[in-house]
Amino acid sequence: MARILTVEQVAEKLQVKPLTVREYLRKGKIPGRKLGRAWRVVETDLEWFLSGKPSMPTGERISALGICADIPGFGMEEFLKEKRKEVELEEAKLRRAAGSA
């Protein structure tokens, strides 16, 4: 089984800061998987990335934001705007329910 690396271990291997690794993971430049709030990278996937080959073998691991970054309407701003609308609707429902009680 392949070894699973933390952001810090990947940063050490690449000789960059962990913040840089997280940014690359979010953008899909480095293949990885988010487990809860923490990123994990399979060592063989990192080696494939470092080899400079154009694409990953089957079982590619990249972030959803990395996949959707170039698709119109899938940016972070649009997502947040939609979530704000949902929150406002829920808050309005709660206010109406509290007012009728």
PDB file of N, CA and C in Angstrom:
ATOM      1  N   MET A   1       0.842  -1.187   0.000  1.00  0.00           N
ATOM      2  CA  MET A   1       0.000   0.000   0.000  1.00  0.00           C
ATOM      3  C   MET A   1       0.885   1.246   0.000  1.00  0.00           C
ATOM      4  N   ALA A   2       0.446   2.240  -0.755  1.00  0.00           N
ATOM      5  CA  ALA A   2       1.203   3.482  -0.863  1.00  0.00           C
ATOM      6  C   ALA A   2       1.137   4.271   0.444  1.00  0.00           C
ATOM      7  N   ARG A   3       2.168   5.010   0.693  1.00  0.00           N
ATOM      8  CA  ARG A   3       2.253   5.830   1.903  1.00  0.00           C
ATOM      9  C   ARG A   3       1.409   7.094   1.726  1.00  0.00           C
ATOM     10  N   ILE A   4       0.712   7.490   2.789  1.00  0.00           N
ATOM     11  CA  ILE A   4      -0.114   8.699   2.784  1.00  0.00           C
ATOM     12  C   ILE A   4       0.666   9.808   3.480  1.00  0.00           C
ATOM     13  N   LEU A   5       0.761  10.964   2.816  1.00  0.00           N
ATOM     14  CA  LEU A   5       1.549  12.084   3.338  1.00  0.00           C
ATOM     15  C   LEU A   5       0.653  13.223   3.814  1.00  0.00           C
ATOM     16  N   THR A   6       1.109  13.921   4.833  1.00  0.00           N
ATOM     17  CA  THR A   6       0.441  15.135   5.300  1.00  0.00           C
ATOM     18  C   THR A   6       0.952  16.316   4.488  1.00  0.00           C
ATOM     19  N   VAL A   7       0.299  17.445   4.645  1.00  0.00           N
ATOM     20  CA  VAL A   7       0.739  18.671   3.967  1.00  0.00           C
ATOM     21  C   VAL A   7       2.183  19.007   4.358  1.00  0.00           C
ATOM     22  N   GLU A   8       2.485  18.852   5.629  1.00  0.00           N
ATOM     23  CA  GLU A   8       3.829  19.173   6.116  1.00  0.00           C
ATOM     24  C   GLU A   8       4.884  18.265   5.484  1.00  0.00           C
ATOM     25  N   GLN A   9       4.565  16.979   5.333  1.00  0.00           N
ATOM     26  CA  GLN A   9       5.509  16.051   4.713  1.00  0.00           C
ATOM     27  C   GLN A   9       5.718  16.382   3.242  1.00  0.00           C
ATOM     28  N   VAL A  10       4.644  16.741   2.552  1.00  0.00           N
ATOM     29  CA  VAL A  10       4.755  17.133   1.140  1.00  0.00           C
ATOM     30  C   VAL A  10       5.585  18.399   1.027  1.00  0.00           C
ATOM     31  N   ALA A  11       5.340  19.367   1.909  1.00  0.00           N
ATOM     32  CA  ALA A  11       6.100  20.619   1.887  1.00  0.00           C
ATOM     33  C   ALA A  11       7.583  20.353   2.094  1.00  0.00           C
ATOM     34  N   GLU A  12       7.898  19.449   2.988  1.00  0.00           N
ATOM     35  CA  GLU A  12       9.296  19.115   3.237  1.00  0.00           C
ATOM     36  C   GLU A  12       9.933  18.481   1.998  1.00  0.00           C
ATOM     37  N   LYS A  13       9.215  17.573   1.352  1.00  0.00           N
ATOM     38  CA  LYS A  13       9.733  16.923   0.145  1.00  0.00           C
ATOM     39  C   LYS A  13       9.956  17.931  -0.983  1.00  0.00           C
ATOM     40  N   LEU A  14       9.014  18.883  -1.114  1.00  0.00           N
ATOM     41  CA  LEU A  14       9.096  19.870  -2.190  1.00  0.00           C
ATOM     42  C   LEU A  14       9.944  21.080  -1.817  1.00  0.00           C
ATOM     43  N   GLN A  15      10.305  21.170  -0.557  1.00  0.00           N
ATOM     44  CA  GLN A  15      11.072  22.294  -0.025  1.00  0.00           C
ATOM     45  C   GLN A  15      10.345  23.623  -0.240  1.00  0.00           C
ATOM     46  N   VAL A  16       9.050  23.597   0.117  1.00  0.00           N
ATOM     47  CA  VAL A  16       8.223  24.804   0.082  1.00  0.00           C
ATOM     48  C   VAL A  16       7.464  24.877   1.406  1.00  0.00           C
ATOM     49  N   LYS A  17       6.758  25.958   1.605  1.00  0.00           N
ATOM     50  CA  LYS A  17       5.973  26.115   2.831  1.00  0.00           C
ATOM     51  C   LYS A  17       4.669  25.325   2.730  1.00  0.00           C
ATOM     52  N   PRO A  18       4.152  24.855   3.866  1.00  0.00           N
ATOM     53  CA  PRO A  18       2.866  24.148   3.853  1.00  0.00           C
ATOM     54  C   PRO A  18       1.736  24.965   3.229  1.00  0.00           C
ATOM     55  N   LEU A  19       1.755  26.279   3.400  1.00  0.00           N
ATOM     56  CA  LEU A  19       0.748  27.146   2.805  1.00  0.00           C
ATOM     57  C   LEU A  19       0.742  27.009   1.281  1.00  0.00           C
ATOM     58  N   THR A  20       1.926  26.911   0.692  1.00  0.00           N
ATOM     59  CA  THR A  20       2.043  26.741  -0.753  1.00  0.00           C
ATOM     60  C   THR A  20       1.456  25.405  -1.182  1.00  0.00           C
ATOM     61  N   VAL A  21       1.729  24.362  -0.421  1.00  0.00           N
ATOM     62  CA  VAL A  21       1.181  23.038  -0.733  1.00  0.00           C
ATOM     63  C   VAL A  21      -0.336  23.069  -0.680  1.00  0.00           C
ATOM     64  N   ARG A  22      -0.905  23.700   0.359  1.00  0.00           N
ATOM     65  CA  ARG A  22      -2.367  23.780   0.474  1.00  0.00           C
ATOM     66  C   ARG A  22      -2.971  24.526  -0.717  1.00  0.00           C
ATOM     67  N   GLU A  23      -2.323  25.595  -1.141  1.00  0.00           N
ATOM     68  CA  GLU A  23      -2.811  26.352  -2.295  1.00  0.00           C
ATOM     69  C   GLU A  23      -2.789  25.481  -3.551  1.00  0.00           C
ATOM     70  N   TYR A  24      -1.700  24.754  -3.773  1.00  0.00           N
ATOM     71  CA  TYR A  24      -1.604  23.855  -4.927  1.00  0.00           C
ATOM     72  C   TYR A  24      -2.677  22.774  -4.871  1.00  0.00           C
ATOM     73  N   LEU A  25      -2.949  22.259  -3.679  1.00  0.00           N
ATOM     74  CA  LEU A  25      -3.983  21.233  -3.528  1.00  0.00           C
ATOM     75  C   LEU A  25      -5.356  21.807  -3.859  1.00  0.00           C
ATOM     76  N   ARG A  26      -5.661  22.998  -3.328  1.00  0.00           N
ATOM     77  CA  ARG A  26      -6.963  23.625  -3.593  1.00  0.00           C
ATOM     78  C   ARG A  26      -7.159  23.876  -5.080  1.00  0.00           C
ATOM     79  N   LYS A  27      -6.102  24.270  -5.754  1.00  0.00           N
ATOM     80  CA  LYS A  27      -6.193  24.571  -7.189  1.00  0.00           C
ATOM     81  C   LYS A  27      -6.094  23.325  -8.054  1.00  0.00           C
ATOM     82  N   GLY A  28      -5.812  22.182  -7.445  1.00  0.00           N
ATOM     83  CA  GLY A  28      -5.716  20.943  -8.211  1.00  0.00           C
ATOM     84  C   GLY A  28      -4.385  20.740  -8.896  1.00  0.00           C
ATOM     85  N   LYS A  29      -3.387  21.557  -8.573  1.00  0.00           N
ATOM     86  CA  LYS A  29      -2.069  21.400  -9.189  1.00  0.00           C
ATOM     87  C   LYS A  29      -1.362  20.153  -8.670  1.00  0.00           C
ATOM     88  N   ILE A  30      -1.563  19.858  -7.390  1.00  0.00           N
ATOM     89  CA  ILE A  30      -1.027  18.639  -6.783  1.00  0.00           C
ATOM     90  C   ILE A  30      -2.225  17.742  -6.491  1.00  0.00           C
ATOM     91  N   PRO A  31      -2.156  16.474  -6.874  1.00  0.00           N
ATOM     92  CA  PRO A  31      -3.275  15.580  -6.576  1.00  0.00           C
ATOM     93  C   PRO A  31      -3.350  15.281  -5.090  1.00  0.00           C
ATOM     94  N   GLY A  32      -4.541  15.360  -4.534  1.00  0.00           N
ATOM     95  CA  GLY A  32      -4.718  15.093  -3.115  1.00  0.00           C
ATOM     96  C   GLY A  32      -6.173  14.900  -2.771  1.00  0.00           C
ATOM     97  N   ARG A  33      -6.419  14.582  -1.534  1.00  0.00           N
ATOM     98  CA  ARG A  33      -7.773  14.346  -1.065  1.00  0.00           C
ATOM     99  C   ARG A  33      -7.933  15.022   0.280  1.00  0.00           C
ATOM    100  N   LYS A  34      -9.061  15.658   0.471  1.00  0.00           N
ATOM    101  CA  LYS A  34      -9.328  16.310   1.742  1.00  0.00           C
ATOM    102  C   LYS A  34     -10.114  15.354   2.620  1.00  0.00           C
ATOM    103  N   LEU A  35      -9.594  15.076   3.803  1.00  0.00           N
ATOM    104  CA  LEU A  35     -10.252  14.220   4.781  1.00  0.00           C
ATOM    105  C   LEU A  35     -10.591  15.092   5.981  1.00  0.00           C
ATOM    106  N   GLY A  36     -11.858  15.417   6.106  1.00  0.00           N
ATOM    107  CA  GLY A  36     -12.250  16.368   7.145  1.00  0.00           C
ATOM    108  C   GLY A  36     -11.694  17.730   6.770  1.00  0.00           C
ATOM    109  N   ARG A  37     -10.876  18.278   7.646  1.00  0.00           N
ATOM    110  CA  ARG A  37     -10.267  19.587   7.369  1.00  0.00           C
ATOM    111  C   ARG A  37      -8.829  19.467   6.905  1.00  0.00           C
ATOM    112  N   ALA A  38      -8.301  18.248   6.847  1.00  0.00           N
ATOM    113  CA  ALA A  38      -6.889  18.039   6.531  1.00  0.00           C
ATOM    114  C   ALA A  38      -6.709  17.417   5.151  1.00  0.00           C
ATOM    115  N   TRP A  39      -5.707  17.882   4.428  1.00  0.00           N
ATOM    116  CA  TRP A  39      -5.360  17.320   3.134  1.00  0.00           C
ATOM    117  C   TRP A  39      -4.420  16.136   3.327  1.00  0.00           C
ATOM    118  N   ARG A  40      -4.558  15.149   2.443  1.00  0.00           N
ATOM    119  CA  ARG A  40      -3.649  14.013   2.405  1.00  0.00           C
ATOM    120  C   ARG A  40      -3.255  13.764   0.949  1.00  0.00           C
ATOM    121  N   VAL A  41      -2.018  13.345   0.760  1.00  0.00           N
ATOM    122  CA  VAL A  41      -1.488  13.093  -0.580  1.00  0.00           C
ATOM    123  C   VAL A  41      -0.882  11.698  -0.592  1.00  0.00           C
ATOM    124  N   VAL A  42      -1.243  10.908  -1.602  1.00  0.00           N
ATOM    125  CA  VAL A  42      -0.642   9.594  -1.764  1.00  0.00           C
ATOM    126  C   VAL A  42       0.742   9.794  -2.370  1.00  0.00           C
ATOM    127  N   GLU A  43       1.735   9.189  -1.760  1.00  0.00           N
ATOM    128  CA  GLU A  43       3.126   9.413  -2.170  1.00  0.00           C
ATOM    129  C   GLU A  43       3.356   9.087  -3.647  1.00  0.00           C
ATOM    130  N   THR A  44       2.749   8.007  -4.147  1.00  0.00           N
ATOM    131  CA  THR A  44       2.940   7.661  -5.567  1.00  0.00           C
ATOM    132  C   THR A  44       2.330   8.718  -6.487  1.00  0.00           C
ATOM    133  N   ASP A  45       1.218   9.351  -6.054  1.00  0.00           N
ATOM    134  CA  ASP A  45       0.616  10.436  -6.841  1.00  0.00           C
ATOM    135  C   ASP A  45       1.532  11.653  -6.869  1.00  0.00           C
ATOM    136  N   LEU A  46       2.171  11.944  -5.739  1.00  0.00           N
ATOM    137  CA  LEU A  46       3.114  13.058  -5.683  1.00  0.00           C
ATOM    138  C   LEU A  46       4.300  12.792  -6.605  1.00  0.00           C
ATOM    139  N   GLU A  47       4.791  11.558  -6.601  1.00  0.00           N
ATOM    140  CA  GLU A  47       5.901  11.198  -7.490  1.00  0.00           C
ATOM    141  C   GLU A  47       5.497  11.353  -8.952  1.00  0.00           C
ATOM    142  N   TRP A  48       4.253  10.960  -9.280  1.00  0.00           N
ATOM    143  CA  TRP A  48       3.755  11.113 -10.649  1.00  0.00           C
ATOM    144  C   TRP A  48       3.713  12.601 -11.016  1.00  0.00           C
ATOM    145  N   PHE A  49       3.215  13.422 -10.106  1.00  0.00           N
ATOM    146  CA  PHE A  49       3.165  14.869 -10.326  1.00  0.00           C
ATOM    147  C   PHE A  49       4.564  15.432 -10.562  1.00  0.00           C
ATOM    148  N   LEU A  50       5.523  14.992  -9.747  1.00  0.00           N
ATOM    149  CA  LEU A  50       6.892  15.491  -9.862  1.00  0.00           C
ATOM    150  C   LEU A  50       7.590  15.004 -11.126  1.00  0.00           C
ATOM    151  N   SER A  51       7.125  13.910 -11.693  1.00  0.00           N
ATOM    152  CA  SER A  51       7.752  13.377 -12.907  1.00  0.00           C
ATOM    153  C   SER A  51       7.497  14.283 -14.109  1.00  0.00           C
ATOM    154  N   GLY A  52       6.502  15.166 -13.983  1.00  0.00           N
ATOM    155  CA  GLY A  52       6.214  16.101 -15.071  1.00  0.00           C
ATOM    156  C   GLY A  52       5.365  15.501 -16.170  1.00  0.00           C
ATOM    157  N   LYS A  53       4.844  14.301 -15.977  1.00  0.00           N
ATOM    158  CA  LYS A  53       3.983  13.684 -16.985  1.00  0.00           C
ATOM    159  C   LYS A  53       2.681  14.461 -17.055  1.00  0.00           C
ATOM    160  N   PRO A  54       2.073  14.537 -18.231  1.00  0.00           N
ATOM    161  CA  PRO A  54       0.925  15.423 -18.425  1.00  0.00           C
ATOM    162  C   PRO A  54      -0.329  15.096 -17.628  1.00  0.00           C
ATOM    163  N   SER A  55      -0.603  13.848 -17.335  1.00  0.00           N
ATOM    164  CA  SER A  55      -1.825  13.546 -16.602  1.00  0.00           C
ATOM    165  C   SER A  55      -1.597  12.396 -15.650  1.00  0.00           C
ATOM    166  N   MET A  56      -2.501  12.314 -14.671  1.00  0.00           N
ATOM    167  CA  MET A  56      -2.409  11.268 -13.666  1.00  0.00           C
ATOM    168  C   MET A  56      -2.933   9.961 -14.232  1.00  0.00           C
ATOM    169  N   PRO A  57      -2.468   8.837 -13.686  1.00  0.00           N
ATOM    170  CA  PRO A  57      -3.068   7.567 -14.066  1.00  0.00           C
ATOM    171  C   PRO A  57      -4.483   7.476 -13.513  1.00  0.00           C
ATOM    172  N   THR A  58      -5.192   6.404 -13.809  1.00  0.00           N
ATOM    173  CA  THR A  58      -6.557   6.270 -13.298  1.00  0.00           C
ATOM    174  C   THR A  58      -6.542   6.389 -11.787  1.00  0.00           C
ATOM    175  N   GLY A  59      -7.622   6.908 -11.245  1.00  0.00           N
ATOM    176  CA  GLY A  59      -7.696   7.133  -9.808  1.00  0.00           C
ATOM    177  C   GLY A  59      -7.146   8.504  -9.439  1.00  0.00           C
ATOM    178  N   GLU A  60      -7.180   9.447 -10.386  1.00  0.00           N
ATOM    179  CA  GLU A  60      -6.661  10.792 -10.156  1.00  0.00           C
ATOM    180  C   GLU A  60      -7.308  11.428  -8.941  1.00  0.00           C
ATOM    181  N   ARG A  61      -6.521  12.140  -8.161  1.00  0.00           N
ATOM    182  CA  ARG A  61      -7.020  12.799  -6.955  1.00  0.00           C
ATOM    183  C   ARG A  61      -6.713  14.287  -7.060  1.00  0.00           C
ATOM    184  N   ILE A  62      -7.756  15.079  -7.254  1.00  0.00           N
ATOM    185  CA  ILE A  62      -7.592  16.521  -7.251  1.00  0.00           C
ATOM    186  C   ILE A  62      -8.773  17.132  -6.516  1.00  0.00           C
ATOM    187  N   SER A  63      -8.623  18.381  -6.125  1.00  0.00           N
ATOM    188  CA  SER A  63      -9.696  19.017  -5.369  1.00  0.00           C
ATOM    189  C   SER A  63     -10.835  19.431  -6.294  1.00  0.00           C
ATOM    190  N   ALA A  64     -12.021  19.515  -5.737  1.00  0.00           N
ATOM    191  CA  ALA A  64     -13.183  19.940  -6.511  1.00  0.00           C
ATOM    192  C   ALA A  64     -13.008  21.374  -6.990  1.00  0.00           C
ATOM    193  N   LEU A  65     -12.411  22.229  -6.158  1.00  0.00           N
ATOM    194  CA  LEU A  65     -12.177  23.605  -6.594  1.00  0.00           C
ATOM    195  C   LEU A  65     -11.206  23.644  -7.761  1.00  0.00           C
ATOM    196  N   GLY A  66     -10.239  22.742  -7.771  1.00  0.00           N
ATOM    197  CA  GLY A  66      -9.299  22.673  -8.885  1.00  0.00           C
ATOM    198  C   GLY A  66     -10.000  22.291 -10.172  1.00  0.00           C
ATOM    199  N   ILE A  67     -10.965  21.393 -10.091  1.00  0.00           N
ATOM    200  CA  ILE A  67     -11.706  20.956 -11.270  1.00  0.00           C
ATOM    201  C   ILE A  67     -12.607  22.081 -11.774  1.00  0.00           C
ATOM    202  N   CYS A  68     -13.277  22.760 -10.860  1.00  0.00           N
ATOM    203  CA  CYS A  68     -14.315  23.726 -11.225  1.00  0.00           C
ATOM    204  C   CYS A  68     -13.804  25.153 -11.412  1.00  0.00           C
ATOM    205  N   ALA A  69     -12.544  25.398 -11.156  1.00  0.00           N
ATOM    206  CA  ALA A  69     -12.029  26.767 -11.163  1.00  0.00           C
ATOM    207  C   ALA A  69     -12.256  27.489 -12.486  1.00  0.00           C
ATOM    208  N   ASP A  70     -12.197  26.771 -13.609  1.00  0.00           N
ATOM    209  CA  ASP A  70     -12.303  27.408 -14.919  1.00  0.00           C
ATOM    210  C   ASP A  70     -13.702  27.342 -15.520  1.00  0.00           C
ATOM    211  N   ILE A  71     -14.662  26.783 -14.796  1.00  0.00           N
ATOM    212  CA  ILE A  71     -16.022  26.654 -15.313  1.00  0.00           C
ATOM    213  C   ILE A  71     -16.822  27.876 -14.880  1.00  0.00           C
ATOM    214  N   PRO A  72     -17.412  28.618 -15.830  1.00  0.00           N
ATOM    215  CA  PRO A  72     -18.199  29.800 -15.472  1.00  0.00           C
ATOM    216  C   PRO A  72     -19.342  29.430 -14.529  1.00  0.00           C
ATOM    217  N   GLY A  73     -19.559  30.255 -13.510  1.00  0.00           N
ATOM    218  CA  GLY A  73     -20.633  30.021 -12.565  1.00  0.00           C
ATOM    219  C   GLY A  73     -20.262  29.123 -11.401  1.00  0.00           C
ATOM    220  N   PHE A  74     -19.040  28.591 -11.391  1.00  0.00           N
ATOM    221  CA  PHE A  74     -18.617  27.701 -10.319  1.00  0.00           C
ATOM    222  C   PHE A  74     -17.544  28.339  -9.445  1.00  0.00           C
ATOM    223  N   GLY A  75     -17.389  29.659  -9.524  1.00  0.00           N
ATOM    224  CA  GLY A  75     -16.393  30.325  -8.703  1.00  0.00           C
ATOM    225  C   GLY A  75     -16.832  30.428  -7.251  1.00  0.00           C
ATOM    226  N   MET A  76     -15.904  30.756  -6.393  1.00  0.00           N
ATOM    227  CA  MET A  76     -16.185  30.865  -4.966  1.00  0.00           C
ATOM    228  C   MET A  76     -17.201  31.968  -4.697  1.00  0.00           C
ATOM    229  N   GLU A  77     -17.144  33.079  -5.453  1.00  0.00           N
ATOM    230  CA  GLU A  77     -18.069  34.180  -5.228  1.00  0.00           C
ATOM    231  C   GLU A  77     -19.514  33.743  -5.476  1.00  0.00           C
ATOM    232  N   GLU A  78     -19.728  33.003  -6.578  1.00  0.00           N
ATOM    233  CA  GLU A  78     -21.073  32.535  -6.900  1.00  0.00           C
ATOM    234  C   GLU A  78     -21.577  31.570  -5.831  1.00  0.00           C
ATOM    235  N   PHE A  79     -20.709  30.698  -5.377  1.00  0.00           N
ATOM    236  CA  PHE A  79     -21.069  29.735  -4.341  1.00  0.00           C
ATOM    237  C   PHE A  79     -21.489  30.464  -3.066  1.00  0.00           C
ATOM    238  N   LEU A  80     -20.673  31.441  -2.637  1.00  0.00           N
ATOM    239  CA  LEU A  80     -20.977  32.175  -1.409  1.00  0.00           C
ATOM    240  C   LEU A  80     -22.264  32.985  -1.547  1.00  0.00           C
ATOM    241  N   LYS A  81     -22.492  33.570  -2.710  1.00  0.00           N
ATOM    242  CA  LYS A  81     -23.711  34.337  -2.936  1.00  0.00           C
ATOM    243  C   LYS A  81     -24.937  33.431  -2.801  1.00  0.00           C
ATOM    244  N   GLU A  82     -24.874  32.247  -3.371  1.00  0.00           N
ATOM    245  CA  GLU A  82     -25.980  31.298  -3.281  1.00  0.00           C
ATOM    246  C   GLU A  82     -26.206  30.854  -1.838  1.00  0.00           C
ATOM    247  N   LYS A  83     -25.130  30.604  -1.106  1.00  0.00           N
ATOM    248  CA  LYS A  83     -25.254  30.189   0.296  1.00  0.00           C
ATOM    249  C   LYS A  83     -25.852  31.301   1.143  1.00  0.00           C
ATOM    250  N   ARG A  84     -25.468  32.559   0.872  1.00  0.00           N
ATOM    251  CA  ARG A  84     -26.048  33.690   1.613  1.00  0.00           C
ATOM    252  C   ARG A  84     -27.556  33.753   1.406  1.00  0.00           C
ATOM    253  N   LYS A  85     -27.997  33.534   0.158  1.00  0.00           N
ATOM    254  CA  LYS A  85     -29.433  33.526  -0.127  1.00  0.00           C
ATOM    255  C   LYS A  85     -30.136  32.440   0.673  1.00  0.00           C
ATOM    256  N   GLU A  86     -29.544  31.243   0.707  1.00  0.00           N
ATOM    257  CA  GLU A  86     -30.135  30.132   1.448  1.00  0.00           C
ATOM    258  C   GLU A  86     -30.240  30.467   2.936  1.00  0.00           C
ATOM    259  N   VAL A  87     -29.199  31.073   3.493  1.00  0.00           N
ATOM    260  CA  VAL A  87     -29.207  31.442   4.916  1.00  0.00           C
ATOM    261  C   VAL A  87     -30.279  32.491   5.188  1.00  0.00           C
ATOM    262  N   GLU A  88     -30.375  33.482   4.313  1.00  0.00           N
ATOM    263  CA  GLU A  88     -31.389  34.523   4.488  1.00  0.00           C
ATOM    264  C   GLU A  88     -32.798  33.945   4.454  1.00  0.00           C
ATOM    265  N   LEU A  89     -33.066  33.002   3.546  1.00  0.00           N
ATOM    266  CA  LEU A  89     -34.378  32.366   3.479  1.00  0.00           C
ATOM    267  C   LEU A  89     -34.681  31.595   4.761  1.00  0.00           C
ATOM    268  N   GLU A  90     -33.703  30.855   5.260  1.00  0.00           N
ATOM    269  CA  GLU A  90     -33.894  30.090   6.496  1.00  0.00           C
ATOM    270  C   GLU A  90     -34.126  31.022   7.683  1.00  0.00           C
ATOM    271  N   GLU A  91     -33.373  32.124   7.753  1.00  0.00           N
ATOM    272  CA  GLU A  91     -33.558  33.079   8.842  1.00  0.00           C
ATOM    273  C   GLU A  91     -34.943  33.706   8.779  1.00  0.00           C
ATOM    274  N   ALA A  92     -35.427  34.013   7.572  1.00  0.00           N
ATOM    275  CA  ALA A  92     -36.765  34.588   7.417  1.00  0.00           C
ATOM    276  C   ALA A  92     -37.830  33.598   7.888  1.00  0.00           C
ATOM    277  N   LYS A  93     -37.665  32.322   7.562  1.00  0.00           N
ATOM    278  CA  LYS A  93     -38.606  31.288   8.005  1.00  0.00           C
ATOM    279  C   LYS A  93     -38.625  31.219   9.536  1.00  0.00           C
ATOM    280  N   LEU A  94     -37.457  31.263  10.148  1.00  0.00           N
ATOM    281  CA  LEU A  94     -37.354  31.197  11.609  1.00  0.00           C
ATOM    282  C   LEU A  94     -38.026  32.419  12.258  1.00  0.00           C
ATOM    283  N   ARG A  95     -37.827  33.601  11.672  1.00  0.00           N
ATOM    284  CA  ARG A  95     -38.459  34.807  12.218  1.00  0.00           C
ATOM    285  C   ARG A  95     -39.982  34.725  12.130  1.00  0.00           C
ATOM    286  N   ARG A  96     -40.477  34.208  10.964  1.00  0.00           N
ATOM    287  CA  ARG A  96     -41.932  34.061  10.811  1.00  0.00           C
ATOM    288  C   ARG A  96     -42.479  33.050  11.808  1.00  0.00           C
ATOM    289  N   ALA A  97     -41.769  31.968  12.003  1.00  0.00           N
ATOM    290  CA  ALA A  97     -42.213  30.936  12.948  1.00  0.00           C
ATOM    291  C   ALA A  97     -42.199  31.471  14.380  1.00  0.00           C
ATOM    292  N   ALA A  98     -41.201  32.252  14.728  1.00  0.00           N
ATOM    293  CA  ALA A  98     -41.112  32.833  16.068  1.00  0.00           C
ATOM    294  C   ALA A  98     -42.194  33.903  16.264  1.00  0.00           C
ATOM    295  N   GLY A  99     -42.527  34.632  15.207  1.00  0.00           N
ATOM    296  CA  GLY A  99     -43.546  35.672  15.315  1.00  0.00           C
ATOM    297  C   GLY A  99     -44.949  35.115  15.450  1.00  0.00           C
ATOM    298  N   SER A 100     -45.187  33.932  14.900  1.00  0.00           N
ATOM    299  CA  SER A 100     -46.530  33.350  14.966  1.00  0.00           C
ATOM    300  C   SER A 100     -46.723  32.507  16.224  1.00  0.00           C
ATOM    301  N   ALA A 101     -45.682  32.336  16.989  1.00  0.00           N
ATOM    302  CA  ALA A 101     -45.782  31.485  18.199  1.00  0.00           C
ATOM    303  C   ALA A 101     -46.262  32.261  19.399  1.00  0.00           C
TER     304      ALA A 101
END
